[in-house]
Structure formats: C-alpha cells, structure tokens
C-alpha cells in the first residue's frame, strides 16, 4: 500500500515539474520575442493619417476561435468558445515590400499578453487579394497558411482539424477588422426597385 502511495507521489511530482518547465520555457520565449517600439497611440495615428493608402490587411484585427470536439468512442460532442483571444495591429513593414507585421495590442493568453509582441506576418502575393499568413501560435511555433481578403471586406477565416484519440477536433477561427472602418464599394440597396410595366391581374 505504501509503495503505491509513493509511486503516485513520484508521478505527481514529475508531472508538476514538467508543467513548470514548459511554462518557464514559454515565459523565456516571451522575454526574448521580437517586438515593436511603436506605442498603441502611434499605431492608431498611422492608420488615421494614412487612411487613403492603407493596404486592406492593415488595421486593428480581433481574432476569435471556436473549437468543436467529438469523442469517437462515446459520441459525446461539445465546443469551446474563445472570443477576442488576440487583438493585434497590422502595419506595413518599412524595409520589405509587400510585407505586413501584426503586433499584439491585447490578449487573454498569458504568454502573449505583452503589448507590442510580433504575432503574425503577412506576405502579399501577386494576386493582390491573397496573403501568405505566418501565424505564431500559443507555443510560439509557426503556422503558414494562405488567406484571401478582398479590398472591400473586413473579415477572413481559417480552419483546421486534428485528432487526439479518442477525440476529434475542428477549429474555426474568424478575424474581424476593428479599425479603420471598411468602406463597402457596392452596398445593399435600401429598398427593392419598383417593378416596371403594368401589373397583370390574376384571375
């Protein structure tokens, strides 16, 4: 009996030590991660003063994620909502053409809650509405994906799937532009046009 208790204690200590080491690794990454020297007020002034020439990807963006899961053994299903996980500002790189850097303004993720940390890099492709997104995840590893952003839209999305037996996961992430206001080129009409011609009575 005593041997079993001691074994459980050893397992618990190893687990806690591993968690502490992983957390320390993330904090070390945060301390040395690339940052911008621009203050939030400077970023907002940049957007305001260059409103006519901003690229569609430039501005303040809000990232929210929904993760749906299913237990393939029991059939149980559920979902996790993560609203406003990251708020970041995307600004043109002054040294590289067609490159745009995104910096953290606020985040509920502990290792990403330092204002000014570089969170994402966008490379604009020859087809002007397509960008190669280099997104740094919660553990600081990089995910590369292509996204499409038409000039008159302030939203794009991303999705992924993975499995950790017995669970299958599906992640849907939405990025909404918060600032500056997106001008829609072809807005919906306020009312339907009047029909032309003489109405034909129905008998």
N, C-alpha and C. Protein backbone atom coordinates (compact mmCIF):
# COMPACT_ATOMS: atom_id res chain seq x y z
N UNK A 1 0.83 -1.20 0.00
CA UNK A 1 0.00 0.00 0.00
C UNK A 1 0.87 1.26 0.00
N UNK A 2 1.90 1.27 0.88
CA UNK A 2 2.78 2.43 0.96
C UNK A 2 3.53 2.63 -0.35
N UNK A 3 3.93 1.50 -0.99
CA UNK A 3 4.65 1.61 -2.25
C UNK A 3 3.78 2.28 -3.31
N UNK A 4 2.48 1.92 -3.32
CA UNK A 4 1.56 2.52 -4.28
C UNK A 4 1.41 4.01 -4.06
N UNK A 5 1.33 4.42 -2.79
CA UNK A 5 1.21 5.85 -2.48
C UNK A 5 2.44 6.61 -2.92
N UNK A 6 3.61 6.04 -2.62
CA UNK A 6 4.85 6.70 -3.01
C UNK A 6 4.97 6.81 -4.53
N UNK A 7 4.51 5.78 -5.23
CA UNK A 7 4.55 5.80 -6.69
C UNK A 7 3.68 6.93 -7.24
N UNK A 8 2.49 7.10 -6.67
CA UNK A 8 1.60 8.18 -7.10
C UNK A 8 2.21 9.55 -6.81
N UNK A 9 2.89 9.66 -5.66
CA UNK A 9 3.53 10.93 -5.31
C UNK A 9 4.63 11.26 -6.31
N UNK A 10 5.42 10.25 -6.67
CA UNK A 10 6.51 10.46 -7.65
C UNK A 10 5.94 10.90 -8.99
N UNK A 11 4.86 10.23 -9.44
CA UNK A 11 4.23 10.59 -10.71
C UNK A 11 3.73 12.03 -10.68
N UNK A 12 3.12 12.43 -9.55
CA UNK A 12 2.60 13.79 -9.42
C UNK A 12 3.72 14.81 -9.46
N UNK A 13 4.82 14.52 -8.77
CA UNK A 13 5.96 15.44 -8.76
C UNK A 13 6.54 15.60 -10.16
N UNK A 14 6.69 14.48 -10.88
CA UNK A 14 7.22 14.53 -12.25
C UNK A 14 6.30 15.37 -13.14
N UNK A 15 4.99 15.17 -12.99
CA UNK A 15 4.02 15.91 -13.79
C UNK A 15 4.10 17.41 -13.52
N UNK A 16 4.12 17.77 -12.24
CA UNK A 16 4.19 19.19 -11.88
C UNK A 16 5.49 19.83 -12.33
N UNK A 17 6.58 19.07 -12.22
CA UNK A 17 7.88 19.57 -12.66
C UNK A 17 7.88 19.83 -14.16
N UNK A 18 7.27 18.89 -14.91
CA UNK A 18 7.18 19.06 -16.36
C UNK A 18 6.35 20.27 -16.74
N UNK A 19 5.23 20.48 -16.04
CA UNK A 19 4.38 21.65 -16.31
C UNK A 19 5.12 22.95 -16.03
N UNK A 20 5.85 22.96 -14.91
CA UNK A 20 6.60 24.16 -14.54
C UNK A 20 7.68 24.47 -15.57
N UNK A 21 8.35 23.41 -16.06
CA UNK A 21 9.41 23.59 -17.05
C UNK A 21 8.83 24.12 -18.36
N UNK A 22 7.67 23.57 -18.77
CA UNK A 22 7.03 24.02 -20.00
C UNK A 22 6.60 25.48 -19.89
N UNK A 23 6.05 25.84 -18.75
CA UNK A 23 5.61 27.22 -18.54
C UNK A 23 6.80 28.18 -18.53
N UNK A 24 7.89 27.76 -17.92
CA UNK A 24 9.09 28.59 -17.88
C UNK A 24 9.65 28.79 -19.28
N UNK A 25 9.57 27.72 -20.10
CA UNK A 25 10.04 27.81 -21.49
C UNK A 25 9.25 28.87 -22.25
N UNK A 26 7.92 28.89 -22.05
CA UNK A 26 7.09 29.88 -22.73
C UNK A 26 7.40 31.29 -22.25
N UNK A 27 7.63 31.44 -20.95
CA UNK A 27 7.96 32.76 -20.42
C UNK A 27 9.32 33.24 -20.93
N UNK A 28 10.27 32.30 -21.09
CA UNK A 28 11.57 32.65 -21.64
C UNK A 28 11.43 33.11 -23.10
N UNK A 29 10.55 32.42 -23.84
CA UNK A 29 10.29 32.81 -25.23
C UNK A 29 9.71 34.22 -25.28
N UNK A 30 8.77 34.49 -24.38
CA UNK A 30 8.13 35.80 -24.36
C UNK A 30 9.16 36.91 -24.11
N UNK A 31 10.09 36.64 -23.21
CA UNK A 31 11.07 37.66 -22.81
C UNK A 31 11.99 38.05 -23.96
N UNK A 32 12.22 37.13 -24.91
CA UNK A 32 13.17 37.40 -25.99
C UNK A 32 12.49 37.55 -27.35
N UNK A 33 11.16 37.58 -27.37
CA UNK A 33 10.41 37.58 -28.63
C UNK A 33 10.50 38.96 -29.31
N UNK A 34 10.54 38.99 -30.66
CA UNK A 34 10.58 40.27 -31.38
C UNK A 34 9.38 41.16 -31.02
N UNK A 35 9.65 42.45 -30.88
CA UNK A 35 8.62 43.41 -30.50
C UNK A 35 8.79 44.69 -31.33
N UNK A 36 7.75 45.51 -31.32
CA UNK A 36 7.84 46.83 -31.94
C UNK A 36 8.00 47.88 -30.85
N UNK A 37 8.66 48.96 -31.21
CA UNK A 37 8.81 50.07 -30.26
C UNK A 37 7.66 51.07 -30.36
N UNK A 38 6.77 50.86 -31.33
CA UNK A 38 5.63 51.76 -31.50
C UNK A 38 4.63 51.59 -30.37
N UNK A 39 4.15 52.70 -29.84
CA UNK A 39 3.08 52.67 -28.85
C UNK A 39 1.74 52.53 -29.57
N UNK A 40 0.71 52.13 -28.83
CA UNK A 40 -0.60 51.96 -29.43
C UNK A 40 -1.09 53.27 -30.07
N UNK A 41 -0.84 54.39 -29.40
CA UNK A 41 -1.27 55.68 -29.93
C UNK A 41 -0.60 55.99 -31.26
N UNK A 42 0.68 55.61 -31.41
CA UNK A 42 1.38 55.82 -32.67
C UNK A 42 0.78 54.98 -33.78
N UNK A 43 0.40 53.74 -33.45
CA UNK A 43 -0.22 52.87 -34.45
C UNK A 43 -1.55 53.45 -34.93
N UNK A 44 -2.36 53.92 -33.99
CA UNK A 44 -3.66 54.48 -34.36
C UNK A 44 -3.49 55.75 -35.18
N UNK A 45 -2.49 56.55 -34.86
CA UNK A 45 -2.20 57.75 -35.66
C UNK A 45 -1.78 57.36 -37.07
N UNK A 46 -0.99 56.29 -37.19
CA UNK A 46 -0.56 55.81 -38.50
C UNK A 46 -1.77 55.44 -39.36
N UNK A 47 -2.71 54.69 -38.78
CA UNK A 47 -3.91 54.30 -39.53
C UNK A 47 -4.73 55.52 -39.93
N UNK A 48 -4.86 56.47 -39.01
CA UNK A 48 -5.68 57.66 -39.28
C UNK A 48 -5.05 58.54 -40.34
N UNK A 49 -3.74 58.74 -40.27
CA UNK A 49 -3.05 59.65 -41.18
C UNK A 49 -2.81 59.05 -42.56
N UNK A 50 -2.91 57.74 -42.69
CA UNK A 50 -2.66 57.08 -43.97
C UNK A 50 -3.89 56.33 -44.47
N UNK A 51 -5.07 56.78 -44.06
CA UNK A 51 -6.31 56.06 -44.36
C UNK A 51 -6.50 55.82 -45.86
N UNK A 52 -6.07 56.76 -46.70
CA UNK A 52 -6.31 56.65 -48.14
C UNK A 52 -5.38 55.66 -48.83
N UNK A 53 -4.26 55.35 -48.21
CA UNK A 53 -3.27 54.49 -48.87
C UNK A 53 -3.03 53.17 -48.15
N UNK A 54 -3.79 52.89 -47.11
CA UNK A 54 -3.60 51.64 -46.37
C UNK A 54 -3.91 50.43 -47.24
N UNK A 55 -3.13 49.38 -47.06
CA UNK A 55 -3.45 48.11 -47.69
C UNK A 55 -4.64 47.50 -46.96
N UNK A 56 -5.47 46.70 -47.65
CA UNK A 56 -6.63 46.09 -46.97
C UNK A 56 -6.30 45.30 -45.72
N UNK A 57 -5.08 44.75 -45.63
CA UNK A 57 -4.72 43.95 -44.46
C UNK A 57 -4.31 44.82 -43.28
N UNK A 58 -4.01 46.10 -43.53
CA UNK A 58 -3.58 46.98 -42.45
C UNK A 58 -4.76 47.42 -41.59
N UNK A 59 -4.52 47.47 -40.28
CA UNK A 59 -5.55 47.90 -39.36
C UNK A 59 -5.51 47.08 -38.08
N UNK A 60 -6.52 47.27 -37.25
CA UNK A 60 -6.65 46.53 -35.99
C UNK A 60 -7.59 45.35 -36.21
N UNK A 61 -7.13 44.16 -35.86
CA UNK A 61 -7.89 42.94 -36.06
C UNK A 61 -8.16 42.25 -34.73
N UNK A 62 -9.32 41.56 -34.67
CA UNK A 62 -9.71 40.79 -33.49
C UNK A 62 -9.85 39.33 -33.91
N UNK A 63 -9.16 38.44 -33.21
CA UNK A 63 -9.21 37.00 -33.50
C UNK A 63 -10.05 36.28 -32.46
N UNK A 64 -11.03 35.50 -32.93
CA UNK A 64 -11.87 34.68 -32.05
C UNK A 64 -11.91 33.26 -32.61
N UNK A 65 -11.95 32.29 -31.72
CA UNK A 65 -11.87 30.89 -32.15
C UNK A 65 -12.95 30.04 -31.49
N UNK A 66 -13.51 29.12 -32.27
CA UNK A 66 -14.43 28.11 -31.76
C UNK A 66 -13.84 26.73 -32.06
N UNK A 67 -13.69 25.91 -31.02
CA UNK A 67 -13.17 24.55 -31.19
C UNK A 67 -14.28 23.57 -30.87
N UNK A 68 -14.67 22.78 -31.86
CA UNK A 68 -15.68 21.74 -31.66
C UNK A 68 -14.98 20.39 -31.53
N UNK A 69 -15.50 19.55 -30.63
CA UNK A 69 -14.88 18.25 -30.40
C UNK A 69 -15.94 17.16 -30.36
N UNK A 70 -15.50 15.95 -30.68
CA UNK A 70 -16.37 14.78 -30.59
C UNK A 70 -15.54 13.61 -30.07
N UNK A 71 -16.10 12.89 -29.12
CA UNK A 71 -15.48 11.67 -28.61
C UNK A 71 -15.94 10.53 -29.51
N UNK A 72 -15.03 9.97 -30.31
CA UNK A 72 -15.42 8.96 -31.29
C UNK A 72 -15.82 7.65 -30.63
N UNK A 73 -15.48 7.48 -29.36
CA UNK A 73 -15.85 6.26 -28.65
C UNK A 73 -17.26 6.35 -28.07
N UNK A 74 -17.57 7.48 -27.45
CA UNK A 74 -18.87 7.63 -26.79
C UNK A 74 -19.90 8.41 -27.61
N UNK A 75 -19.41 9.18 -28.60
CA UNK A 75 -20.31 10.00 -29.39
C UNK A 75 -20.61 11.35 -28.78
N UNK A 76 -20.08 11.63 -27.60
CA UNK A 76 -20.31 12.92 -26.96
C UNK A 76 -19.67 14.05 -27.77
N UNK A 77 -20.36 15.20 -27.80
CA UNK A 77 -19.89 16.35 -28.55
C UNK A 77 -19.92 17.60 -27.68
N UNK A 78 -19.10 18.56 -28.05
CA UNK A 78 -19.10 19.82 -27.32
C UNK A 78 -18.30 20.87 -28.08
N UNK A 79 -18.19 22.04 -27.50
CA UNK A 79 -17.46 23.13 -28.14
C UNK A 79 -16.90 24.07 -27.09
N UNK A 80 -15.76 24.68 -27.43
CA UNK A 80 -15.14 25.70 -26.60
C UNK A 80 -15.15 27.01 -27.38
N UNK A 81 -15.60 28.08 -26.74
CA UNK A 81 -15.60 29.40 -27.36
C UNK A 81 -14.46 30.24 -26.78
N UNK A 82 -13.67 30.84 -27.67
CA UNK A 82 -12.56 31.70 -27.24
C UNK A 82 -12.69 33.06 -27.93
N UNK A 83 -13.58 33.94 -27.44
CA UNK A 83 -13.75 35.26 -28.07
C UNK A 83 -12.59 36.20 -27.73
N UNK A 84 -12.21 36.99 -28.72
CA UNK A 84 -11.17 38.02 -28.53
C UNK A 84 -9.90 37.46 -27.88
N UNK A 85 -9.45 36.32 -28.42
CA UNK A 85 -8.20 35.75 -27.90
C UNK A 85 -7.03 36.70 -28.13
N UNK A 86 -7.03 37.35 -29.29
CA UNK A 86 -5.96 38.28 -29.63
C UNK A 86 -6.56 39.51 -30.31
N UNK A 87 -6.05 40.68 -29.96
CA UNK A 87 -6.31 41.91 -30.69
C UNK A 87 -4.94 42.41 -31.15
N UNK A 88 -4.77 42.60 -32.46
CA UNK A 88 -3.44 42.96 -32.97
C UNK A 88 -3.56 43.98 -34.09
N UNK A 89 -2.50 44.76 -34.24
CA UNK A 89 -2.44 45.81 -35.26
C UNK A 89 -1.48 45.38 -36.36
N UNK A 90 -1.93 45.47 -37.61
CA UNK A 90 -1.11 45.09 -38.76
C UNK A 90 -0.64 46.35 -39.47
N UNK A 91 0.68 46.46 -39.64
CA UNK A 91 1.29 47.66 -40.22
C UNK A 91 2.32 47.24 -41.27
N UNK A 92 2.40 48.02 -42.33
CA UNK A 92 3.35 47.76 -43.41
C UNK A 92 4.78 47.76 -42.88
N UNK A 93 5.58 46.76 -43.31
CA UNK A 93 6.99 46.71 -42.93
C UNK A 93 7.73 47.81 -43.69
N UNK A 94 8.47 48.67 -42.99
CA UNK A 94 9.15 49.78 -43.67
C UNK A 94 10.34 49.35 -44.52
N UNK A 95 10.80 48.13 -44.33
CA UNK A 95 12.01 47.68 -45.03
C UNK A 95 11.78 46.63 -46.10
N UNK A 96 10.60 45.99 -46.09
CA UNK A 96 10.33 44.93 -47.06
C UNK A 96 9.03 45.21 -47.80
N UNK A 97 9.10 45.13 -49.12
CA UNK A 97 7.92 45.39 -49.93
C UNK A 97 6.91 44.26 -49.80
N UNK A 98 5.64 44.62 -49.71
CA UNK A 98 4.53 43.67 -49.64
C UNK A 98 4.59 42.76 -48.40
N UNK A 99 5.20 43.25 -47.34
CA UNK A 99 5.25 42.52 -46.07
C UNK A 99 4.58 43.39 -45.00
N UNK A 100 3.74 42.75 -44.18
CA UNK A 100 2.99 43.47 -43.15
C UNK A 100 3.09 42.70 -41.84
N UNK A 101 3.45 43.41 -40.78
CA UNK A 101 3.66 42.79 -39.47
C UNK A 101 2.48 43.09 -38.54
N UNK A 102 2.07 42.08 -37.79
CA UNK A 102 0.99 42.24 -36.83
C UNK A 102 1.51 42.18 -35.41
N UNK A 103 1.19 43.20 -34.60
CA UNK A 103 1.69 43.29 -33.23
C UNK A 103 0.54 43.27 -32.22
N UNK A 104 0.77 42.58 -31.12
CA UNK A 104 -0.25 42.43 -30.09
C UNK A 104 -0.61 43.78 -29.46
N UNK A 105 -1.92 44.02 -29.36
CA UNK A 105 -2.43 45.15 -28.58
C UNK A 105 -2.97 44.66 -27.24
N UNK A 106 -3.64 43.51 -27.27
CA UNK A 106 -4.12 42.88 -26.03
C UNK A 106 -4.38 41.41 -26.29
N UNK A 107 -4.31 40.60 -25.23
CA UNK A 107 -4.56 39.17 -25.36
C UNK A 107 -4.90 38.57 -24.00
N UNK A 108 -5.78 37.57 -24.02
CA UNK A 108 -6.11 36.85 -22.79
C UNK A 108 -5.16 35.67 -22.59
N UNK A 109 -4.28 35.42 -23.57
CA UNK A 109 -3.31 34.34 -23.47
C UNK A 109 -2.08 34.85 -22.72
N UNK A 110 -1.76 34.19 -21.60
CA UNK A 110 -0.73 34.72 -20.69
C UNK A 110 0.59 35.01 -21.38
N UNK A 111 1.07 34.06 -22.19
CA UNK A 111 2.39 34.24 -22.80
C UNK A 111 2.37 35.25 -23.95
N UNK A 112 1.17 35.73 -24.32
CA UNK A 112 1.06 36.70 -25.41
C UNK A 112 0.42 38.01 -24.94
N UNK A 113 0.45 38.29 -23.65
CA UNK A 113 -0.26 39.47 -23.14
C UNK A 113 0.63 40.71 -23.02
N UNK A 114 1.79 40.68 -23.66
CA UNK A 114 2.68 41.84 -23.62
C UNK A 114 2.49 42.66 -24.88
N UNK A 115 2.07 43.90 -24.71
CA UNK A 115 1.77 44.76 -25.85
C UNK A 115 3.01 44.96 -26.73
N UNK A 116 2.83 44.82 -28.05
CA UNK A 116 3.91 45.04 -28.99
C UNK A 116 4.59 43.79 -29.51
N UNK A 117 4.26 42.61 -28.97
CA UNK A 117 4.87 41.37 -29.44
C UNK A 117 4.43 41.08 -30.88
N UNK A 118 5.37 40.61 -31.71
CA UNK A 118 5.02 40.26 -33.09
C UNK A 118 4.24 38.95 -33.10
N UNK A 119 3.01 39.01 -33.59
CA UNK A 119 2.12 37.85 -33.58
C UNK A 119 1.96 37.20 -34.94
N UNK A 120 2.06 37.99 -35.99
CA UNK A 120 1.78 37.47 -37.33
C UNK A 120 2.52 38.31 -38.37
N UNK A 121 2.85 37.66 -39.49
CA UNK A 121 3.45 38.36 -40.63
C UNK A 121 2.65 37.96 -41.87
N UNK A 122 2.24 38.96 -42.66
CA UNK A 122 1.52 38.71 -43.91
C UNK A 122 2.41 39.06 -45.09
N UNK A 123 2.50 38.15 -46.06
CA UNK A 123 3.21 38.40 -47.31
C UNK A 123 2.16 38.50 -48.42
N UNK A 124 2.08 39.67 -49.05
CA UNK A 124 1.09 39.86 -50.11
C UNK A 124 1.56 39.21 -51.39
N UNK A 125 0.70 38.39 -52.01
CA UNK A 125 1.05 37.66 -53.21
C UNK A 125 0.75 38.51 -54.46
N UNK A 126 1.15 37.98 -55.64
CA UNK A 126 0.94 38.70 -56.89
C UNK A 126 -0.54 38.94 -57.15
N UNK A 127 -1.37 37.94 -56.81
CA UNK A 127 -2.82 38.16 -56.84
C UNK A 127 -3.16 38.96 -55.60
N UNK A 128 -3.45 40.23 -55.77
CA UNK A 128 -3.48 41.18 -54.66
C UNK A 128 -4.37 40.86 -53.49
N UNK A 129 -5.35 39.97 -53.68
CA UNK A 129 -6.26 39.65 -52.58
C UNK A 129 -5.80 38.47 -51.75
N UNK A 130 -4.68 37.86 -52.12
CA UNK A 130 -4.18 36.67 -51.42
C UNK A 130 -2.93 37.03 -50.62
N UNK A 131 -2.89 36.56 -49.38
CA UNK A 131 -1.75 36.79 -48.49
C UNK A 131 -1.29 35.45 -47.92
N UNK A 132 0.03 35.33 -47.77
CA UNK A 132 0.59 34.18 -47.04
C UNK A 132 0.73 34.61 -45.58
N UNK A 133 -0.02 33.95 -44.71
CA UNK A 133 -0.05 34.33 -43.30
C UNK A 133 0.89 33.45 -42.48
N UNK A 134 1.84 34.07 -41.81
CA UNK A 134 2.75 33.37 -40.90
C UNK A 134 2.28 33.69 -39.48
N UNK A 135 1.55 32.76 -38.89
CA UNK A 135 0.91 32.97 -37.59
C UNK A 135 1.69 32.24 -36.50
N UNK A 136 2.07 32.95 -35.44
CA UNK A 136 2.79 32.33 -34.33
C UNK A 136 1.78 31.89 -33.27
N UNK A 137 1.72 30.59 -33.05
CA UNK A 137 0.71 30.01 -32.17
C UNK A 137 1.06 30.25 -30.69
N UNK A 138 0.17 29.71 -29.83
CA UNK A 138 0.33 29.92 -28.40
C UNK A 138 1.67 29.46 -27.86
N UNK A 139 2.23 28.40 -28.47
CA UNK A 139 3.52 27.88 -28.01
C UNK A 139 4.69 28.45 -28.81
N UNK A 140 4.42 29.49 -29.62
CA UNK A 140 5.42 30.22 -30.41
C UNK A 140 5.88 29.46 -31.65
N UNK A 141 5.30 28.31 -31.95
CA UNK A 141 5.59 27.65 -33.22
C UNK A 141 4.83 28.37 -34.33
N UNK A 142 5.32 28.24 -35.57
CA UNK A 142 4.74 29.00 -36.68
C UNK A 142 3.86 28.13 -37.56
N UNK A 143 2.70 28.69 -37.91
CA UNK A 143 1.79 28.05 -38.86
C UNK A 143 1.70 28.95 -40.08
N UNK A 144 1.87 28.38 -41.28
CA UNK A 144 1.81 29.15 -42.52
C UNK A 144 0.58 28.73 -43.31
N UNK A 145 -0.20 29.71 -43.73
CA UNK A 145 -1.43 29.42 -44.46
C UNK A 145 -1.76 30.59 -45.38
N UNK A 146 -2.40 30.28 -46.52
CA UNK A 146 -2.85 31.33 -47.43
C UNK A 146 -4.25 31.78 -47.06
N UNK A 147 -4.47 33.09 -47.08
CA UNK A 147 -5.81 33.62 -46.81
C UNK A 147 -6.18 34.59 -47.93
N UNK A 148 -7.49 34.77 -48.12
CA UNK A 148 -8.00 35.68 -49.14
C UNK A 148 -8.74 36.82 -48.47
N UNK A 149 -8.40 38.05 -48.87
CA UNK A 149 -9.04 39.24 -48.30
C UNK A 149 -9.35 40.24 -49.41
N UNK A 150 -10.59 40.23 -49.93
CA UNK A 150 -10.97 41.23 -50.94
C UNK A 150 -10.86 42.63 -50.35
N UNK A 151 -10.59 43.64 -51.21
CA UNK A 151 -10.37 45.01 -50.72
C UNK A 151 -11.52 45.58 -49.91
N UNK A 152 -12.77 45.19 -50.22
CA UNK A 152 -13.92 45.79 -49.54
C UNK A 152 -14.47 44.91 -48.43
N UNK A 153 -13.65 44.00 -47.92
CA UNK A 153 -14.09 43.12 -46.85
C UNK A 153 -13.20 43.31 -45.63
N UNK A 154 -13.79 43.20 -44.46
CA UNK A 154 -13.03 43.33 -43.22
C UNK A 154 -13.06 42.07 -42.41
N UNK A 155 -13.06 40.92 -43.09
CA UNK A 155 -13.13 39.64 -42.38
C UNK A 155 -12.48 38.55 -43.22
N UNK A 156 -11.78 37.65 -42.55
CA UNK A 156 -11.33 36.40 -43.18
C UNK A 156 -11.33 35.32 -42.11
N UNK A 157 -11.23 34.08 -42.54
CA UNK A 157 -11.34 32.97 -41.58
C UNK A 157 -10.31 31.91 -41.88
N UNK A 158 -10.17 31.00 -40.94
CA UNK A 158 -9.18 29.92 -41.02
C UNK A 158 -9.78 28.72 -40.30
N UNK A 159 -9.47 27.52 -40.77
CA UNK A 159 -9.98 26.32 -40.12
C UNK A 159 -8.93 25.22 -40.14
N UNK A 160 -9.02 24.32 -39.18
CA UNK A 160 -8.09 23.19 -39.10
C UNK A 160 -8.75 22.04 -38.36
N UNK A 161 -8.22 20.84 -38.58
CA UNK A 161 -8.73 19.63 -37.93
C UNK A 161 -7.57 18.81 -37.40
N UNK A 162 -7.75 18.16 -36.27
CA UNK A 162 -6.75 17.26 -35.74
C UNK A 162 -7.41 16.25 -34.80
N UNK A 163 -6.67 15.23 -34.44
CA UNK A 163 -7.21 14.17 -33.60
C UNK A 163 -6.24 13.83 -32.48
N UNK A 164 -6.79 13.59 -31.29
CA UNK A 164 -6.05 13.09 -30.14
C UNK A 164 -6.94 12.03 -29.51
N UNK A 165 -6.73 10.78 -29.88
CA UNK A 165 -7.64 9.70 -29.52
C UNK A 165 -8.01 9.74 -28.03
N UNK A 166 -9.31 9.65 -27.74
CA UNK A 166 -10.44 9.34 -28.63
C UNK A 166 -11.18 10.57 -29.15
N UNK A 167 -10.52 11.73 -29.19
CA UNK A 167 -11.22 12.96 -29.59
C UNK A 167 -10.79 13.43 -30.98
N UNK A 168 -11.76 13.90 -31.75
CA UNK A 168 -11.51 14.62 -32.99
C UNK A 168 -11.87 16.08 -32.76
N UNK A 169 -11.03 16.98 -33.27
CA UNK A 169 -11.24 18.41 -33.06
C UNK A 169 -11.37 19.14 -34.40
N UNK A 170 -12.19 20.18 -34.40
CA UNK A 170 -12.32 21.08 -35.55
C UNK A 170 -12.28 22.51 -35.04
N UNK A 171 -11.33 23.27 -35.55
CA UNK A 171 -11.16 24.66 -35.12
C UNK A 171 -11.58 25.61 -36.23
N UNK A 172 -12.41 26.58 -35.89
CA UNK A 172 -12.81 27.63 -36.82
C UNK A 172 -12.44 28.98 -36.21
N UNK A 173 -11.58 29.70 -36.90
CA UNK A 173 -11.09 30.98 -36.40
C UNK A 173 -11.55 32.10 -37.32
N UNK A 174 -12.06 33.16 -36.74
CA UNK A 174 -12.54 34.31 -37.50
C UNK A 174 -11.72 35.54 -37.11
N UNK A 175 -11.29 36.29 -38.12
CA UNK A 175 -10.54 37.53 -37.91
C UNK A 175 -11.40 38.69 -38.42
N UNK A 176 -11.78 39.59 -37.53
CA UNK A 176 -12.62 40.73 -37.88
C UNK A 176 -11.83 42.03 -37.74
N UNK A 177 -11.91 42.87 -38.77
CA UNK A 177 -11.23 44.16 -38.68
C UNK A 177 -12.03 45.09 -37.78
N UNK A 178 -11.36 45.65 -36.79
CA UNK A 178 -12.00 46.56 -35.84
C UNK A 178 -11.80 48.02 -36.22
N UNK A 179 -10.66 48.30 -36.86
CA UNK A 179 -10.34 49.69 -37.24
C UNK A 179 -9.28 49.66 -38.34
N UNK A 180 -9.32 50.58 -39.32
CA UNK A 180 -10.36 51.57 -39.57
C UNK A 180 -11.60 50.96 -40.21
N UNK A 181 -12.65 51.75 -40.32
CA UNK A 181 -13.91 51.29 -40.90
C UNK A 181 -13.70 50.85 -42.34
N UNK A 182 -14.28 49.70 -42.69
CA UNK A 182 -14.19 49.18 -44.05
C UNK A 182 -15.28 49.83 -44.90
N UNK A 183 -14.89 50.40 -46.04
CA UNK A 183 -15.86 51.02 -46.95
C UNK A 183 -16.29 50.00 -47.98
N UNK A 184 -17.57 49.67 -47.99
CA UNK A 184 -18.10 48.69 -48.93
C UNK A 184 -18.40 49.39 -50.25
N UNK A 185 -17.81 48.87 -51.35
CA UNK A 185 -17.96 49.50 -52.66
C UNK A 185 -19.38 49.40 -53.21
N UNK A 186 -20.03 48.26 -52.96
CA UNK A 186 -21.36 48.02 -53.54
C UNK A 186 -22.33 47.64 -52.43
N UNK A 187 -22.80 48.62 -51.66
CA UNK A 187 -23.68 48.31 -50.53
C UNK A 187 -25.03 47.79 -50.98
N UNK A 188 -25.72 47.11 -50.07
CA UNK A 188 -27.06 46.60 -50.36
C UNK A 188 -28.01 47.78 -50.55
N UNK A 189 -28.95 47.68 -51.53
CA UNK A 189 -29.93 48.76 -51.70
C UNK A 189 -30.84 48.87 -50.49
N UNK A 190 -31.24 50.12 -50.18
CA UNK A 190 -32.10 50.32 -49.02
C UNK A 190 -33.49 49.75 -49.24
N UNK A 191 -33.95 49.74 -50.51
CA UNK A 191 -35.25 49.14 -50.80
C UNK A 191 -35.22 48.54 -52.20
N UNK A 192 -36.08 47.61 -52.45
CA UNK A 192 -36.14 46.97 -53.75
C UNK A 192 -36.67 47.95 -54.78
N UNK A 193 -36.18 47.89 -56.03
CA UNK A 193 -36.69 48.79 -57.07
C UNK A 193 -38.15 48.49 -57.39
N UNK A 194 -38.86 49.54 -57.81
CA UNK A 194 -40.25 49.37 -58.19
C UNK A 194 -40.34 48.57 -59.48
N UNK A 195 -41.30 47.64 -59.58
CA UNK A 195 -41.44 46.86 -60.82
C UNK A 195 -41.87 47.74 -61.97
N UNK A 196 -41.36 47.43 -63.16
CA UNK A 196 -41.70 48.20 -64.35
C UNK A 196 -42.87 47.55 -65.08
N UNK A 197 -43.62 48.36 -65.84
CA UNK A 197 -44.72 47.84 -66.63
C UNK A 197 -46.04 47.87 -65.86
N UNK A 198 -47.08 47.46 -66.54
CA UNK A 198 -48.43 47.44 -65.96
C UNK A 198 -48.70 46.10 -65.32
N UNK A 199 -49.13 46.08 -64.04
CA UNK A 199 -49.42 44.80 -63.40
C UNK A 199 -50.53 44.06 -64.13
N UNK A 200 -50.39 42.74 -64.23
CA UNK A 200 -51.40 41.90 -64.88
C UNK A 200 -52.25 41.28 -63.80
N UNK A 201 -53.59 41.51 -63.81
CA UNK A 201 -54.45 40.93 -62.77
C UNK A 201 -54.48 39.42 -62.84
N UNK A 202 -54.54 38.80 -61.68
CA UNK A 202 -54.61 37.35 -61.61
C UNK A 202 -56.07 36.94 -61.47
N UNK A 203 -56.55 36.09 -62.37
CA UNK A 203 -57.94 35.65 -62.32
C UNK A 203 -58.07 34.38 -61.50
